[in-house]
Protein backbone atom coordinates (compact mmCIF):
# COMPACT_ATOMS: atom_id res chain seq x y z
CA UNK A 1 -6.97 -13.32 -26.40
CA UNK A 2 -3.84 -13.01 -24.31
CA UNK A 3 -3.59 -15.09 -21.15
CA UNK A 4 -5.21 -13.17 -18.30
CA UNK A 5 -2.96 -12.52 -15.35
CA UNK A 6 -3.59 -10.88 -12.00
CA UNK A 7 -0.59 -8.66 -12.74
CA UNK A 8 1.10 -8.67 -16.15
CA UNK A 9 4.70 -7.76 -15.32
CA UNK A 10 6.03 -9.27 -18.56
CA UNK A 11 3.70 -7.14 -20.67
CA UNK A 12 4.66 -4.02 -18.77
CA UNK A 13 8.38 -4.84 -19.08
CA UNK A 14 8.08 -5.24 -22.85
CA UNK A 15 6.86 -1.64 -23.07
CA UNK A 16 9.85 -0.19 -21.19
CA UNK A 17 12.70 -2.66 -21.70
CA UNK A 18 14.62 -0.27 -23.95
CA UNK A 19 14.97 1.99 -20.92
CA UNK A 20 15.22 -0.63 -18.18
CA UNK A 21 17.84 -2.86 -19.76
CA UNK A 22 20.52 -0.17 -20.27
CA UNK A 23 19.92 1.12 -16.73
CA UNK A 24 20.51 -2.33 -15.26
CA UNK A 25 23.52 -2.88 -17.49
CA UNK A 26 25.02 0.42 -16.31
CA UNK A 27 24.86 -0.74 -12.70
CA UNK A 28 26.50 -4.04 -13.58
CA UNK A 29 29.30 -2.37 -15.53
CA UNK A 30 30.02 0.18 -12.81
CA UNK A 31 29.66 -2.48 -10.07
CA UNK A 32 28.05 0.13 -7.79
CA UNK A 33 25.62 -2.40 -6.39
CA UNK A 34 24.90 -0.89 -2.95
CA UNK A 35 24.12 2.81 -2.40
CA UNK A 36 25.39 3.57 -5.87
CA UNK A 37 24.54 6.60 -8.03
CA UNK A 38 21.30 5.00 -9.27
CA UNK A 39 19.93 4.85 -5.72
CA UNK A 40 20.61 8.52 -5.12
CA UNK A 41 19.24 9.48 -8.53
CA UNK A 42 16.01 7.59 -7.89
CA UNK A 43 15.75 9.10 -4.42
CA UNK A 44 16.00 12.64 -5.80
CA UNK A 45 13.52 11.96 -8.59
CA UNK A 46 10.98 10.42 -6.20
CA UNK A 47 11.34 13.37 -3.82
CA UNK A 48 10.55 15.69 -6.72
CA UNK A 49 7.58 13.59 -7.85
CA UNK A 50 6.07 13.44 -4.37
CA UNK A 51 7.05 17.00 -3.42
CA UNK A 52 8.49 15.67 -0.17
CA UNK A 53 11.75 16.75 1.43
CA UNK A 54 13.19 13.33 2.21
CA UNK A 55 12.95 9.90 0.61
CA UNK A 56 15.05 7.23 2.32
CA UNK A 57 15.16 4.03 0.24
CA UNK A 58 15.34 0.67 2.04
CA UNK A 59 15.15 -3.04 1.35
CA UNK A 60 11.37 -3.61 1.41
CA UNK A 61 8.07 -2.18 2.53
CA UNK A 62 7.93 -4.10 5.81
CA UNK A 63 11.34 -2.74 6.79
CA UNK A 64 10.12 0.72 5.84
CA UNK A 65 7.29 0.50 8.38
CA UNK A 66 9.54 -0.87 11.09
CA UNK A 67 12.25 1.72 10.51
CA UNK A 68 9.70 4.55 10.55
CA UNK A 69 8.54 3.40 13.98
CA UNK A 70 12.12 3.02 15.19
CA UNK A 71 12.90 6.51 13.99
CA UNK A 72 10.03 7.96 16.02
CA UNK A 73 11.48 6.46 19.18
CA UNK A 74 8.40 4.43 20.11
CA UNK A 75 8.96 2.34 23.24
CA UNK A 76 7.83 -1.19 24.22
CA UNK A 77 4.27 -1.05 25.49
CA UNK A 78 3.33 2.04 23.49
CA UNK A 79 0.00 1.51 21.74
CA UNK A 80 -0.28 1.88 17.98
CA UNK A 81 -3.71 2.01 16.36
CA UNK A 82 -4.18 0.52 12.91
CA UNK A 83 -6.78 -1.16 10.72
CA UNK A 84 -7.96 -4.73 11.25
CA UNK A 85 -8.59 -5.22 7.52
CA UNK A 86 -5.18 -5.13 5.85
CA UNK A 87 -2.06 -7.19 5.15
CA UNK A 88 -0.28 -8.54 8.23
CA UNK A 89 2.94 -6.55 7.71
CA UNK A 90 1.30 -3.47 9.20
CA UNK A 91 0.70 -5.13 12.57
CA UNK A 92 3.70 -7.46 12.29
CA UNK A 93 6.24 -4.68 12.74
CA UNK A 94 4.32 -3.24 15.68
CA UNK A 95 4.59 -6.60 17.43
CA UNK A 96 8.25 -7.09 16.45
CA UNK A 97 9.16 -3.84 18.21
CA UNK A 98 7.28 -4.94 21.35
CA UNK A 99 4.76 -2.19 20.83
CA UNK A 100 1.09 -2.92 21.48
CA UNK A 101 -1.06 -3.20 18.35
CA UNK A 102 -4.58 -1.86 18.71
CA UNK A 103 -6.73 -3.06 15.82
CA UNK A 104 -9.89 -1.18 14.87
CA UNK A 105 -12.64 -1.58 12.31
CA UNK A 106 -12.80 -0.03 8.85
CA UNK A 107 -15.37 1.77 6.70
CA UNK A 108 -17.82 -0.38 4.74
CA UNK A 109 -17.37 1.65 1.54
CA UNK A 110 -13.68 2.48 1.03
CA UNK A 111 -12.31 -0.23 3.39
CA UNK A 112 -10.07 2.32 5.13
CA UNK A 113 -9.67 2.83 8.87
CA UNK A 114 -12.77 4.19 10.58
CA UNK A 115 -12.39 7.60 12.19
CA UNK A 116 -14.82 7.01 15.05
CA UNK A 117 -13.13 3.68 15.81
CA UNK A 118 -9.79 5.49 16.10
CA UNK A 119 -11.25 7.97 18.57
CA UNK A 120 -12.76 5.18 20.66
CA UNK A 121 -9.45 3.28 20.80
CA UNK A 122 -7.25 6.10 22.10
CA UNK A 123 -5.89 5.64 25.63
CA UNK A 124 -3.12 7.34 27.64
CA UNK A 125 -0.74 4.71 26.19
CA UNK A 126 -1.55 5.52 22.55
CA UNK A 127 1.43 7.00 20.73
CA UNK A 128 0.72 6.54 17.01
CA UNK A 129 -1.87 5.87 14.32
CA UNK A 130 -1.07 3.87 11.18
CA UNK A 131 -3.66 4.51 8.45
CA UNK A 132 -3.38 2.11 5.52
CA UNK A 133 -4.36 3.50 2.11
CA UNK A 134 -5.97 0.21 1.20
CA UNK A 135 -6.20 -1.04 -2.38
CA UNK A 136 -4.90 2.33 -3.64
CA UNK A 137 -7.36 4.77 -2.06
CA UNK A 138 -6.35 7.38 0.50
CA UNK A 139 -7.71 7.15 4.02
CA UNK A 140 -9.34 10.25 5.56
CA UNK A 141 -6.03 11.91 6.35
CA UNK A 142 -7.45 15.31 7.24
CA UNK A 143 -9.53 13.84 10.06
CA UNK A 144 -6.69 11.54 11.16
CA UNK A 145 -4.22 14.43 11.40
CA UNK A 146 -6.74 16.44 13.42
CA UNK A 147 -7.12 13.55 15.88
CA UNK A 148 -3.35 13.12 16.08
CA UNK A 149 -2.79 16.80 16.76
CA UNK A 150 -5.39 16.95 19.52
CA UNK A 151 -3.90 13.88 21.26
CA UNK A 152 -0.21 14.53 20.47
CA UNK A 153 0.14 11.35 18.40
CA UNK A 154 2.38 10.38 15.51
CA UNK A 155 0.84 9.41 12.16
CA UNK A 156 2.66 6.80 10.08
CA UNK A 157 1.10 6.38 6.64
CA UNK A 158 1.23 2.85 5.24
CA UNK A 159 1.38 3.83 1.59
CA UNK A 160 2.40 0.43 0.22
CA UNK A 161 -0.68 0.23 -2.03
CA UNK A 162 -1.29 3.87 -2.97
CA UNK A 163 1.85 5.46 -4.37
CA UNK A 164 0.75 7.94 -7.02
CA UNK A 165 -2.59 8.69 -5.36
CA UNK A 166 -3.47 12.29 -4.52
CA UNK A 167 -5.37 13.33 -1.42
CA UNK A 168 -7.70 16.34 -1.64
CA UNK A 169 -8.41 18.41 1.47
CA UNK A 170 -11.77 20.01 2.18
CA UNK A 171 -10.45 23.37 0.94
CA UNK A 172 -9.42 21.85 -2.41
CA UNK A 173 -5.67 21.72 -1.81
CA UNK A 174 -3.92 18.48 -2.70
CA UNK A 175 -1.02 16.37 -1.48
CA UNK A 176 0.44 13.09 -2.63
CA UNK A 177 -0.39 10.04 -0.53
CA UNK A 178 2.50 9.38 1.81
CA UNK A 179 3.43 13.02 2.34
CA UNK A 180 0.77 14.03 4.87
CA UNK A 181 1.63 12.14 8.06
CA UNK A 182 4.75 12.60 10.15
CA UNK A 183 6.36 9.75 8.23
CA UNK A 184 5.29 7.26 5.59
CA UNK A 185 6.38 3.90 4.26
CA UNK A 186 5.93 2.30 0.87
CA UNK A 187 6.71 -0.97 -0.85
CA UNK A 188 8.17 -1.51 -4.31
CA UNK A 189 7.18 -5.18 -4.44
CA UNK A 190 6.92 -6.13 -8.13
CA UNK A 191 3.11 -6.11 -8.24
CA UNK A 192 2.80 -2.58 -6.83
CA UNK A 193 1.84 0.35 -9.06
CA UNK A 194 5.51 1.33 -8.89
CA UNK A 195 7.28 -1.98 -8.51
CA UNK A 196 10.85 -3.15 -8.94
CA UNK A 197 12.11 -6.58 -10.04
CA UNK A 198 12.71 -7.86 -6.53
CA UNK A 199 12.15 -6.38 -3.08
CA UNK A 200 12.37 -2.69 -2.31
CA UNK A 201 10.85 0.01 -0.16
CA UNK A 202 11.20 3.58 1.04
CA UNK A 203 10.37 5.95 3.87
CA UNK A 204 9.12 9.52 3.26
CA UNK A 205 9.14 12.49 5.63
CA UNK A 206 9.31 16.28 5.68
CA UNK A 207 10.97 16.23 9.13
CA UNK A 208 14.71 16.94 8.78
CA UNK A 209 15.69 15.47 12.15
CA UNK A 210 13.61 12.34 11.66
CA UNK A 211 15.09 11.85 8.19
CA UNK A 212 18.59 12.07 9.66
CA UNK A 213 17.77 9.45 12.29
CA UNK A 214 16.23 7.11 9.71
CA UNK A 215 19.23 7.41 7.38
CA UNK A 216 21.38 6.06 10.20
CA UNK A 217 18.95 3.28 11.10
CA UNK A 218 18.81 1.82 7.57
CA UNK A 219 22.61 1.49 7.51
CA UNK A 220 23.48 -0.26 10.77
CA UNK A 221 23.12 2.97 12.72
CA UNK A 222 26.10 4.52 10.93
CA UNK A 223 26.57 8.06 9.66
CA UNK A 224 30.33 7.57 9.50
CA UNK A 225 31.80 4.17 8.69
CA UNK A 226 32.23 2.03 11.80
CA UNK A 227 30.72 4.72 14.03
CA UNK A 228 27.37 3.37 15.23
CA UNK A 229 25.40 6.26 16.71
CA UNK A 230 21.96 4.65 16.85
CA UNK A 231 20.64 1.10 16.91
CA UNK A 232 20.12 0.24 13.28
CA UNK A 233 19.36 -2.50 10.80
CA UNK A 234 20.71 -3.54 7.42
CA UNK A 235 18.04 -2.38 4.99
CA UNK A 236 19.20 -0.81 1.77
CA UNK A 237 17.67 -0.61 -1.69
CA UNK A 238 20.17 -2.15 -4.08
CA UNK A 239 21.25 -0.21 -7.15
CA UNK A 240 19.75 -2.58 -9.71
CA UNK A 241 16.30 -2.20 -8.16
CA UNK A 242 16.79 1.57 -8.02
CA UNK A 243 17.65 1.56 -11.72
CA UNK A 244 14.41 -0.30 -12.50
CA UNK A 245 12.35 2.04 -10.35
CA UNK A 246 13.91 5.16 -11.81
CA UNK A 247 13.11 3.90 -15.32
CA UNK A 248 9.49 3.24 -14.31
CA UNK A 249 8.87 6.39 -12.26
CA UNK A 250 8.19 8.65 -15.29
CA UNK A 251 5.42 6.21 -16.26
CA UNK A 252 3.73 6.09 -12.85
CA UNK A 253 0.99 8.62 -13.55
CA UNK A 254 0.19 6.87 -16.82
CA UNK A 255 0.13 3.51 -15.04
CA UNK A 256 -2.36 4.90 -12.51
CA UNK A 257 -4.51 6.39 -15.29
CA UNK A 258 -4.61 3.06 -17.10
CA UNK A 259 -5.68 1.29 -13.94
CA UNK A 260 -8.45 3.87 -13.44
CA UNK A 261 -9.53 3.36 -17.04
CA UNK A 262 -9.75 -0.41 -16.52
CA UNK A 263 -11.68 0.17 -13.27
CA UNK A 264 -14.17 2.39 -15.08
CA UNK A 265 -14.75 -0.31 -17.68
CA UNK A 266 -15.34 -2.89 -14.96
CA UNK A 267 -17.77 -0.46 -13.29
CA UNK A 268 -19.70 0.03 -16.50
CA UNK A 269 -20.09 -3.72 -17.03
CA UNK A 270 -21.36 -4.28 -13.49
CA UNK A 271 -23.51 -1.16 -13.06
CA UNK A 272 -26.85 -2.96 -13.39
CA UNK A 273 -25.92 -6.04 -11.33
CA UNK A 274 -27.61 -5.60 -7.96
CA UNK A 275 -25.58 -8.33 -6.29
CA UNK A 276 -22.28 -6.59 -7.04
CA UNK A 277 -21.04 -3.46 -5.31
CA UNK A 278 -18.25 -1.81 -7.30
CA UNK A 279 -15.39 0.07 -5.59
CA UNK A 280 -16.36 3.32 -3.90
CA UNK A 281 -14.44 6.46 -4.91
CA UNK A 282 -13.89 8.82 -2.04
CA UNK A 283 -13.60 12.30 -3.54
CA UNK A 284 -11.80 13.10 -6.77
CA UNK A 285 -10.64 10.44 -9.25
CA UNK A 286 -6.96 10.92 -8.42
CA UNK A 287 -7.61 9.78 -4.82
CA UNK A 288 -7.68 6.15 -6.00
CA UNK A 289 -4.98 4.41 -8.04
CA UNK A 290 -6.53 0.90 -8.01
CA UNK A 291 -3.70 -1.22 -6.76
CA UNK A 292 -6.57 -3.69 -6.47
CA UNK A 293 -10.03 -3.64 -8.04
CA UNK A 294 -12.10 -5.11 -5.23
CA UNK A 295 -15.80 -5.91 -5.43
CA UNK A 296 -18.25 -6.68 -2.65
CA UNK A 297 -20.69 -9.43 -3.58
CA UNK A 298 -24.12 -9.83 -1.99
CA UNK A 299 -26.24 -13.00 -1.86
CA UNK A 300 -23.52 -14.82 -3.80
CA UNK A 301 -21.31 -17.71 -2.74
CA UNK A 302 -18.03 -15.81 -2.99
CA UNK A 303 -15.84 -18.89 -2.73
CA UNK A 304 -17.85 -20.65 -5.45
CA UNK A 305 -17.34 -17.56 -7.61
CA UNK A 306 -13.60 -17.78 -7.08
CA UNK A 307 -13.65 -21.42 -8.25
CA UNK A 308 -15.79 -20.49 -11.25
CA UNK A 309 -13.42 -17.75 -12.37
CA UNK A 310 -10.37 -19.94 -11.90
CA UNK A 311 -12.03 -22.71 -13.89
CA UNK A 312 -12.35 -20.22 -16.74
CA UNK A 313 -8.67 -19.24 -16.47
CA UNK A 314 -9.41 -15.95 -14.71
CA UNK A 315 -7.18 -15.35 -11.69
CA UNK A 316 -8.67 -13.47 -8.75
CA UNK A 317 -7.81 -12.78 -5.15
CA UNK A 318 -9.43 -12.53 -1.74
CA UNK A 319 -7.76 -9.70 0.12
CA UNK A 320 -8.12 -10.53 2.98
CA UNK A 321 -9.76 -13.80 4.06
CA UNK A 322 -9.07 -13.56 7.82
CA UNK A 323 -9.20 -10.41 9.98
CA UNK A 324 -5.97 -9.61 11.77
CA UNK A 325 -7.65 -9.79 15.17
CA UNK A 326 -8.50 -13.44 14.46
CA UNK A 327 -5.00 -14.40 13.32
CA UNK A 328 -3.25 -16.62 15.89
CA UNK A 329 -0.24 -14.32 16.04
CA UNK A 330 -2.29 -11.23 16.90
CA UNK A 331 -5.24 -12.58 18.86
CA UNK A 332 -5.89 -10.61 22.03
CA UNK A 333 -8.48 -11.05 24.77
CA UNK A 334 -9.06 -7.29 24.78
CA UNK A 335 -10.87 -7.45 21.46
CA UNK A 336 -14.65 -7.53 21.27
CA UNK A 337 -16.14 -9.08 18.13
CA UNK A 338 -18.88 -6.44 18.11
CA UNK A 339 -16.20 -3.84 17.37
CA UNK A 340 -15.24 -5.56 14.09
CA UNK A 341 -18.61 -5.97 12.40
CA UNK A 342 -17.52 -4.42 9.09
CA UNK A 343 -14.25 -6.31 8.80
CA UNK A 344 -15.92 -9.58 9.75
CA UNK A 345 -18.39 -9.07 6.90
CA UNK A 346 -15.84 -7.91 4.35
CA UNK A 347 -13.72 -11.03 4.65
CA UNK A 348 -16.73 -13.00 3.38
CA UNK A 349 -17.78 -10.56 0.65
CA UNK A 350 -14.71 -9.19 -1.11
CA UNK A 351 -13.12 -10.44 -4.31
CA UNK A 352 -10.42 -8.71 -6.35
CA UNK A 353 -10.29 -9.01 -10.12
CA UNK A 354 -7.23 -8.74 -12.37
CA UNK A 355 -5.89 -5.18 -12.36
CA UNK A 356 -2.79 -3.95 -14.12
CA UNK A 357 -1.58 -1.59 -16.80
CA UNK A 358 -1.79 -4.10 -19.65
CA UNK A 359 -5.46 -5.13 -19.34
CA UNK A 360 -7.21 -4.79 -22.69
CA UNK A 361 -10.88 -4.50 -23.62
CA UNK A 362 -11.14 -8.11 -24.78
CA UNK A 363 -9.85 -9.40 -21.46
CA UNK A 364 -12.13 -7.11 -19.45
CA UNK A 365 -15.16 -8.19 -21.48
CA UNK A 366 -14.31 -11.87 -20.92
CA UNK A 367 -13.76 -11.38 -17.18
CA UNK A 368 -16.96 -9.41 -16.65
CA UNK A 369 -19.17 -11.63 -18.80
CA UNK A 370 -17.85 -14.76 -17.10
CA UNK A 371 -18.62 -13.29 -13.69
CA UNK A 372 -22.09 -12.10 -14.72
CA UNK A 373 -22.88 -15.50 -16.24
CA UNK A 374 -22.11 -17.10 -12.88
CA UNK A 375 -24.57 -14.76 -11.17
CA UNK A 376 -27.28 -15.40 -13.75
CA UNK A 377 -26.96 -19.17 -13.77
């Protein structure tokens, strides 16, 4: 059996190196390292894939979130509502811009931001909502957009974990994750479903004026060299990373399908284990692209399970072990523990198993049997 990895980037590379290597070599030979033709080619191809008017590449997913908020003109003190159960980058950029993060609880099934908690958190200072499509599954965007419209709020989709997912509206129409809010950010960190070989990110929007503003922000506020029209940053996707991403983009739907297939096999193995709750699917299959395969365990010592799996050479992850509202950097006396009952439970119950495009049946059988043996011991 091959060595089990949380993410098998080497195995994935071996499948596409005949396309990736020449693309990288072309960038090196042309020396168009920054904003070269490969960046623009990838941008156009991603716009077509997502059916979105504007993709603005940038240096990483955290920058993408920050730049999206800068582009919307949010001011210090403005309140931004987001989920308590997610990676810190989402709240980090809110704090960096001197905005006021307002953390709320999530759903117990799909781990995404809770609609009623959003409604409860809105005040006259609220200016934006940041839903995070956690672990690869879309948040309830239809309800979120309705709330935003009724309160005149911006919606910034954090799509770092769900590129390739498709959201289905109540009437059956569909849209790609990241194309529904006023603006969206994504990350191309190597472990993502569409990942480069370094850092990378992008912002998506259908708003022409916002796209124009963001294009200036990512490049020092310049639209014309040495003319700085807006306050900007230096955040550009380099051409080598764009070449990698453009080579991988045609495979993205297949990558997502293979992750779903692995998730289904995990589900089948665990279906009769009462102490394991497999990932909830909200709506149609294409709503979830399984950036992570995350279980909830009941009446099990989760941390002992982690040690057991690691002892059997099975990597796993706990995403996330500490709620954001309990992190030192984001602690706030306004928060009431009773408002975070789901998140406070999830941090004790969740465990993520290996999930990537190269998982094979032998590995899945070994992972699942090792986990079940721990439960039965």
